[in-house]
Amino acid sequence: MGAILEVTEYLKEPVGMAIAAVVVAGGYFFVKWVFAESEED
């Protein structure tokens, strides 16, 4: 539980918001890439 609270506190900072945006975008493109690969089979 403490780790979750630390992450939420970090996300309130501008740098944390930027890192969160990069992680979310990376996850989105990774999932999109995985599903694109599976459609070719």
Protein backbone atom coordinates (compact mmCIF):
# COMPACT_ATOMS: atom_id res chain seq x y z
CA MET A 1 0.00 0.00 0.00
CA GLY A 2 2.84 2.37 0.77
CA ALA A 3 4.31 1.93 -2.70
CA ILE A 4 0.99 2.91 -4.30
CA LEU A 5 0.86 6.07 -2.20
CA GLU A 6 4.42 6.97 -3.20
CA VAL A 7 3.56 6.55 -6.90
CA THR A 8 0.45 8.72 -6.62
CA GLU A 9 2.46 11.43 -4.85
CA TYR A 10 5.10 11.26 -7.59
CA LEU A 11 2.45 11.58 -10.31
CA LYS A 12 1.37 14.93 -8.87
CA GLU A 13 4.72 16.41 -9.98
CA PRO A 14 5.19 17.59 -13.60
CA VAL A 15 8.06 15.16 -14.17
CA GLY A 16 5.95 12.27 -12.90
CA MET A 17 3.12 13.26 -15.24
CA ALA A 18 5.50 13.29 -18.22
CA ILE A 19 6.91 9.87 -17.33
CA ALA A 20 3.40 8.48 -16.84
CA ALA A 21 2.39 9.79 -20.30
CA VAL A 22 5.43 8.11 -21.89
CA VAL A 23 4.71 4.81 -20.12
CA VAL A 24 1.03 4.85 -21.15
CA ALA A 25 1.93 5.68 -24.77
CA GLY A 26 4.55 2.93 -24.80
CA GLY A 27 2.06 0.42 -23.43
CA TYR A 28 -0.54 1.47 -26.02
CA PHE A 29 1.85 1.03 -28.94
CA PHE A 30 3.12 -2.29 -27.53
CA VAL A 31 -0.42 -3.69 -27.30
CA LYS A 32 -1.21 -2.35 -30.78
CA TRP A 33 1.96 -4.03 -32.14
CA VAL A 34 1.16 -7.35 -30.44
CA PHE A 35 -2.35 -7.47 -31.89
CA ALA A 36 -1.10 -6.45 -35.35
CA GLU A 37 1.39 -9.36 -35.27
CA SER A 38 -1.30 -11.87 -34.24
CA GLU A 39 -3.61 -10.83 -37.11
CA GLU A 40 -1.04 -11.90 -39.72
CA ASP A 41 -1.13 -15.56 -38.67
